[in-house]
């Protein structure tokens, strides 16, 4: 699934597995939604299937290269998937659709498609309020503690003018 947080545009697919080929085909569909965009900035998890090599394993080299050039990747930290806005969308999808038994994959695809269209039509966006200041406050224990010693002038044998 992909979401454009400020506009509420979404793209979703229901797949039996998460293979590199599935990822590459999804990314191709995503790129097709933005034909005029020179670069698509993408924030995503650090899954082993989600990298440029998937393009080369799925498509001919020229096509893979062209697709890879369309994206600028940003990866969420491995232990901080909660930073990924798509988790908000998955949560809504889970509450409204996936929290019950669905008999077939076809029915699941239909339910997901309907929900995604409804949310897009309603213009549901993500009001992301996690700022840099809040990130520093919440993640302070992950930053290295630096001790900075004042710079001392160093003697040199090179004449200075």
C-alpha atoms as a PDB file:
ATOM      1  CA  UNK A   1       0.000   0.000   0.000  1.00  0.00           C
ATOM      2  CA  UNK A   2       1.109   3.550  -0.663  1.00  0.00           C
ATOM      3  CA  UNK A   3      -0.357   6.840   0.485  1.00  0.00           C
ATOM      4  CA  UNK A   4       0.365  10.431  -0.362  1.00  0.00           C
ATOM      5  CA  UNK A   5      -0.206  11.900   3.125  1.00  0.00           C
ATOM      6  CA  UNK A   6      -1.070  15.475   2.199  1.00  0.00           C
ATOM      7  CA  UNK A   7      -3.506  14.707  -0.623  1.00  0.00           C
ATOM      8  CA  UNK A   8      -4.885  11.368   0.541  1.00  0.00           C
ATOM      9  CA  UNK A   9      -4.165   9.593  -2.755  1.00  0.00           C
ATOM     10  CA  UNK A  10      -3.751   5.867  -2.200  1.00  0.00           C
ATOM     11  CA  UNK A  11      -2.669   2.759  -4.047  1.00  0.00           C
ATOM     12  CA  UNK A  12      -3.284  -0.699  -2.616  1.00  0.00           C
ATOM     13  CA  UNK A  13      -2.829  -4.265  -3.769  1.00  0.00           C
ATOM     14  CA  UNK A  14      -3.676  -7.543  -2.082  1.00  0.00           C
ATOM     15  CA  UNK A  15      -0.961 -10.132  -2.589  1.00  0.00           C
ATOM     16  CA  UNK A  16      -0.475 -13.674  -1.354  1.00  0.00           C
ATOM     17  CA  UNK A  17       3.230 -13.051  -0.652  1.00  0.00           C
ATOM     18  CA  UNK A  18       5.734 -10.213  -0.390  1.00  0.00           C
ATOM     19  CA  UNK A  19       8.249 -11.070  -3.073  1.00  0.00           C
ATOM     20  CA  UNK A  20      10.684  -8.807  -4.856  1.00  0.00           C
ATOM     21  CA  UNK A  21       8.669  -9.250  -8.048  1.00  0.00           C
ATOM     22  CA  UNK A  22       5.463  -8.165  -6.275  1.00  0.00           C
ATOM     23  CA  UNK A  23       7.286  -5.118  -4.922  1.00  0.00           C
ATOM     24  CA  UNK A  24       8.724  -4.208  -8.338  1.00  0.00           C
ATOM     25  CA  UNK A  25       5.318  -4.486 -10.010  1.00  0.00           C
ATOM     26  CA  UNK A  26       3.712  -2.389  -7.270  1.00  0.00           C
ATOM     27  CA  UNK A  27       6.397   0.264  -7.701  1.00  0.00           C
ATOM     28  CA  UNK A  28       5.821   0.235 -11.448  1.00  0.00           C
ATOM     29  CA  UNK A  29       2.102   0.840 -10.819  1.00  0.00           C
ATOM     30  CA  UNK A  30       2.979   3.623  -8.380  1.00  0.00           C
ATOM     31  CA  UNK A  31       5.276   5.306 -10.909  1.00  0.00           C
ATOM     32  CA  UNK A  32       2.514   5.076 -13.522  1.00  0.00           C
ATOM     33  CA  UNK A  33       0.221   7.105 -11.219  1.00  0.00           C
ATOM     34  CA  UNK A  34       2.684  10.000 -11.382  1.00  0.00           C
ATOM     35  CA  UNK A  35       3.789  10.098 -15.031  1.00  0.00           C
ATOM     36  CA  UNK A  36       4.975  13.729 -14.896  1.00  0.00           C
ATOM     37  CA  UNK A  37       6.989  13.388 -11.680  1.00  0.00           C
ATOM     38  CA  UNK A  38      10.730  13.383 -12.202  1.00  0.00           C
ATOM     39  CA  UNK A  39      11.336  11.971  -8.702  1.00  0.00           C
ATOM     40  CA  UNK A  40       8.958  10.223  -6.358  1.00  0.00           C
ATOM     41  CA  UNK A  41      10.090  10.451  -2.734  1.00  0.00           C
ATOM     42  CA  UNK A  42       9.235   7.233  -0.973  1.00  0.00           C
ATOM     43  CA  UNK A  43       9.442   6.467   2.735  1.00  0.00           C
ATOM     44  CA  UNK A  44       9.412   2.742   3.383  1.00  0.00           C
ATOM     45  CA  UNK A  45      10.383   0.002   5.808  1.00  0.00           C
ATOM     46  CA  UNK A  46      13.686  -1.840   5.666  1.00  0.00           C
ATOM     47  CA  UNK A  47      12.370  -5.102   4.233  1.00  0.00           C
ATOM     48  CA  UNK A  48      14.776  -7.251   2.256  1.00  0.00           C
ATOM     49  CA  UNK A  49      12.382  -7.286  -0.705  1.00  0.00           C
ATOM     50  CA  UNK A  50      12.127  -3.499  -0.888  1.00  0.00           C
ATOM     51  CA  UNK A  51      15.129  -2.265  -2.785  1.00  0.00           C
ATOM     52  CA  UNK A  52      16.257  -1.418  -6.299  1.00  0.00           C
ATOM     53  CA  UNK A  53      17.546  -4.944  -6.918  1.00  0.00           C
ATOM     54  CA  UNK A  54      13.894  -6.025  -7.162  1.00  0.00           C
ATOM     55  CA  UNK A  55      13.566  -3.927 -10.320  1.00  0.00           C
ATOM     56  CA  UNK A  56      16.527  -5.649 -11.961  1.00  0.00           C
ATOM     57  CA  UNK A  57      15.316  -9.104 -10.951  1.00  0.00           C
ATOM     58  CA  UNK A  58      11.874  -8.416 -12.427  1.00  0.00           C
ATOM     59  CA  UNK A  59      12.334  -6.201 -15.495  1.00  0.00           C
ATOM     60  CA  UNK A  60      14.846  -5.880 -18.348  1.00  0.00           C
ATOM     61  CA  UNK A  61      17.879  -3.769 -17.362  1.00  0.00           C
ATOM     62  CA  UNK A  62      16.827  -0.611 -19.253  1.00  0.00           C
ATOM     63  CA  UNK A  63      13.331  -0.689 -17.809  1.00  0.00           C
ATOM     64  CA  UNK A  64      14.667  -1.429 -14.301  1.00  0.00           C
ATOM     65  CA  UNK A  65      17.142   1.461 -14.522  1.00  0.00           C
ATOM     66  CA  UNK A  66      14.453   3.874 -15.728  1.00  0.00           C
ATOM     67  CA  UNK A  67      12.162   2.826 -12.885  1.00  0.00           C
ATOM     68  CA  UNK A  68      14.939   3.105 -10.303  1.00  0.00           C
ATOM     69  CA  UNK A  69      15.687   6.651 -11.475  1.00  0.00           C
ATOM     70  CA  UNK A  70      12.087   7.679 -10.736  1.00  0.00           C
ATOM     71  CA  UNK A  71      12.396   7.023  -6.989  1.00  0.00           C
ATOM     72  CA  UNK A  72      14.247   8.612  -4.100  1.00  0.00           C
ATOM     73  CA  UNK A  73      14.191   6.149  -1.181  1.00  0.00           C
ATOM     74  CA  UNK A  74      14.084   6.985   2.521  1.00  0.00           C
ATOM     75  CA  UNK A  75      14.044   4.068   4.927  1.00  0.00           C
ATOM     76  CA  UNK A  76      12.503   4.115   8.388  1.00  0.00           C
ATOM     77  CA  UNK A  77      14.812   2.932  11.164  1.00  0.00           C
ATOM     78  CA  UNK A  78      14.583  -0.826  11.699  1.00  0.00           C
ATOM     79  CA  UNK A  79      13.223  -0.477  15.219  1.00  0.00           C
ATOM     80  CA  UNK A  80      10.957   2.481  14.502  1.00  0.00           C
ATOM     81  CA  UNK A  81       8.371   1.372  11.978  1.00  0.00           C
ATOM     82  CA  UNK A  82       5.921   3.570  13.913  1.00  0.00           C
ATOM     83  CA  UNK A  83       7.608   6.461  12.098  1.00  0.00           C
ATOM     84  CA  UNK A  84       6.131   5.160   8.862  1.00  0.00           C
ATOM     85  CA  UNK A  85       2.890   6.981   8.093  1.00  0.00           C
ATOM     86  CA  UNK A  86       1.539   3.995   6.184  1.00  0.00           C
ATOM     87  CA  UNK A  87       1.141   2.227   9.536  1.00  0.00           C
ATOM     88  CA  UNK A  88      -1.702   4.687  10.240  1.00  0.00           C
ATOM     89  CA  UNK A  89      -3.393   3.599   7.025  1.00  0.00           C
ATOM     90  CA  UNK A  90      -2.860  -0.087   7.817  1.00  0.00           C
ATOM     91  CA  UNK A  91      -4.440   0.491  11.219  1.00  0.00           C
ATOM     92  CA  UNK A  92      -7.550   2.045   9.634  1.00  0.00           C
ATOM     93  CA  UNK A  93      -7.699  -0.761   7.087  1.00  0.00           C
ATOM     94  CA  UNK A  94      -7.404  -3.328   9.850  1.00  0.00           C
ATOM     95  CA  UNK A  95     -10.149  -1.755  11.973  1.00  0.00           C
ATOM     96  CA  UNK A  96     -12.582  -1.264   9.109  1.00  0.00           C
ATOM     97  CA  UNK A  97     -11.884  -4.289   6.963  1.00  0.00           C
ATOM     98  CA  UNK A  98      -9.420  -6.863   8.203  1.00  0.00           C
ATOM     99  CA  UNK A  99     -10.701  -7.319  11.759  1.00  0.00           C
ATOM    100  CA  UNK A 100     -13.169  -9.932  10.533  1.00  0.00           C
ATOM    101  CA  UNK A 101     -12.958 -13.168   8.637  1.00  0.00           C
ATOM    102  CA  UNK A 102     -13.002 -12.775   4.873  1.00  0.00           C
ATOM    103  CA  UNK A 103     -13.540 -16.013   2.981  1.00  0.00           C
ATOM    104  CA  UNK A 104     -11.626 -15.511  -0.267  1.00  0.00           C
ATOM    105  CA  UNK A 105      -8.785 -13.471  -1.686  1.00  0.00           C
ATOM    106  CA  UNK A 106     -11.169 -12.042  -4.309  1.00  0.00           C
ATOM    107  CA  UNK A 107     -13.531 -10.843  -1.591  1.00  0.00           C
ATOM    108  CA  UNK A 108     -10.610  -9.365   0.344  1.00  0.00           C
ATOM    109  CA  UNK A 109      -9.391  -7.508  -2.758  1.00  0.00           C
ATOM    110  CA  UNK A 110     -12.883  -6.126  -3.309  1.00  0.00           C
ATOM    111  CA  UNK A 111     -13.221  -5.014   0.344  1.00  0.00           C
ATOM    112  CA  UNK A 112      -9.809  -3.340   0.322  1.00  0.00           C
ATOM    113  CA  UNK A 113     -10.511  -1.644  -3.021  1.00  0.00           C
ATOM    114  CA  UNK A 114     -13.833  -0.266  -1.715  1.00  0.00           C
ATOM    115  CA  UNK A 115     -12.311   1.005   1.517  1.00  0.00           C
ATOM    116  CA  UNK A 116      -9.365   2.630  -0.255  1.00  0.00           C
ATOM    117  CA  UNK A 117     -11.696   4.360  -2.740  1.00  0.00           C
ATOM    118  CA  UNK A 118     -13.936   5.580   0.100  1.00  0.00           C
ATOM    119  CA  UNK A 119     -11.034   7.000   2.072  1.00  0.00           C
ATOM    120  CA  UNK A 120      -9.611   8.647  -1.036  1.00  0.00           C
ATOM    121  CA  UNK A 121     -13.019  10.093  -2.014  1.00  0.00           C
ATOM    122  CA  UNK A 122     -13.454  11.482   1.506  1.00  0.00           C
ATOM    123  CA  UNK A 123     -10.048  13.105   1.213  1.00  0.00           C
ATOM    124  CA  UNK A 124      -8.731  11.433   4.358  1.00  0.00           C
ATOM    125  CA  UNK A 125      -5.213  12.754   4.808  1.00  0.00           C
ATOM    126  CA  UNK A 126      -2.568  12.240   7.454  1.00  0.00           C
ATOM    127  CA  UNK A 127      -1.845  15.165   9.730  1.00  0.00           C
ATOM    128  CA  UNK A 128       1.681  14.158  10.690  1.00  0.00           C
ATOM    129  CA  UNK A 129       2.673  15.997  13.852  1.00  0.00           C
ATOM    130  CA  UNK A 130       5.952  14.286  14.635  1.00  0.00           C
ATOM    131  CA  UNK A 131       8.409  17.154  14.274  1.00  0.00           C
ATOM    132  CA  UNK A 132      12.193  17.153  14.441  1.00  0.00           C
ATOM    133  CA  UNK A 133      11.972  18.579  17.960  1.00  0.00           C
ATOM    134  CA  UNK A 134       9.630  15.779  19.050  1.00  0.00           C
ATOM    135  CA  UNK A 135      11.874  13.203  17.382  1.00  0.00           C
ATOM    136  CA  UNK A 136      14.895  14.503  19.295  1.00  0.00           C
ATOM    137  CA  UNK A 137      12.937  14.405  22.533  1.00  0.00           C
ATOM    138  CA  UNK A 138      11.574  10.885  21.992  1.00  0.00           C
ATOM    139  CA  UNK A 139      14.730   9.408  20.488  1.00  0.00           C
ATOM    140  CA  UNK A 140      17.325  11.185  22.640  1.00  0.00           C
ATOM    141  CA  UNK A 141      18.613   7.911  24.090  1.00  0.00           C
ATOM    142  CA  UNK A 142      19.551   6.746  20.579  1.00  0.00           C
ATOM    143  CA  UNK A 143      21.803   9.698  19.879  1.00  0.00           C
ATOM    144  CA  UNK A 144      25.451   9.364  20.746  1.00  0.00           C
ATOM    145  CA  UNK A 145      26.550  11.504  23.611  1.00  0.00           C
ATOM    146  CA  UNK A 146      29.269  13.780  22.298  1.00  0.00           C
ATOM    147  CA  UNK A 147      31.744  15.659  24.365  1.00  0.00           C
ATOM    148  CA  UNK A 148      33.235  18.486  22.440  1.00  0.00           C
ATOM    149  CA  UNK A 149      36.540  19.847  23.599  1.00  0.00           C
ATOM    150  CA  UNK A 150      37.422  23.384  22.631  1.00  0.00           C
ATOM    151  CA  UNK A 151      39.737  23.686  19.673  1.00  0.00           C
ATOM    152  CA  UNK A 152      43.300  24.539  20.568  1.00  0.00           C
ATOM    153  CA  UNK A 153      45.448  26.490  18.168  1.00  0.00           C
ATOM    154  CA  UNK A 154      48.044  24.208  16.678  1.00  0.00           C
ATOM    155  CA  UNK A 155      51.591  25.194  15.966  1.00  0.00           C
ATOM    156  CA  UNK A 156      52.687  24.959  12.410  1.00  0.00           C
ATOM    157  CA  UNK A 157      55.933  25.410  10.571  1.00  0.00           C
ATOM    158  CA  UNK A 158      54.149  26.909   7.592  1.00  0.00           C
ATOM    159  CA  UNK A 159      54.279  30.687   7.652  1.00  0.00           C
ATOM    160  CA  UNK A 160      50.862  32.301   7.799  1.00  0.00           C
ATOM    161  CA  UNK A 161      50.209  35.586   5.989  1.00  0.00           C
END
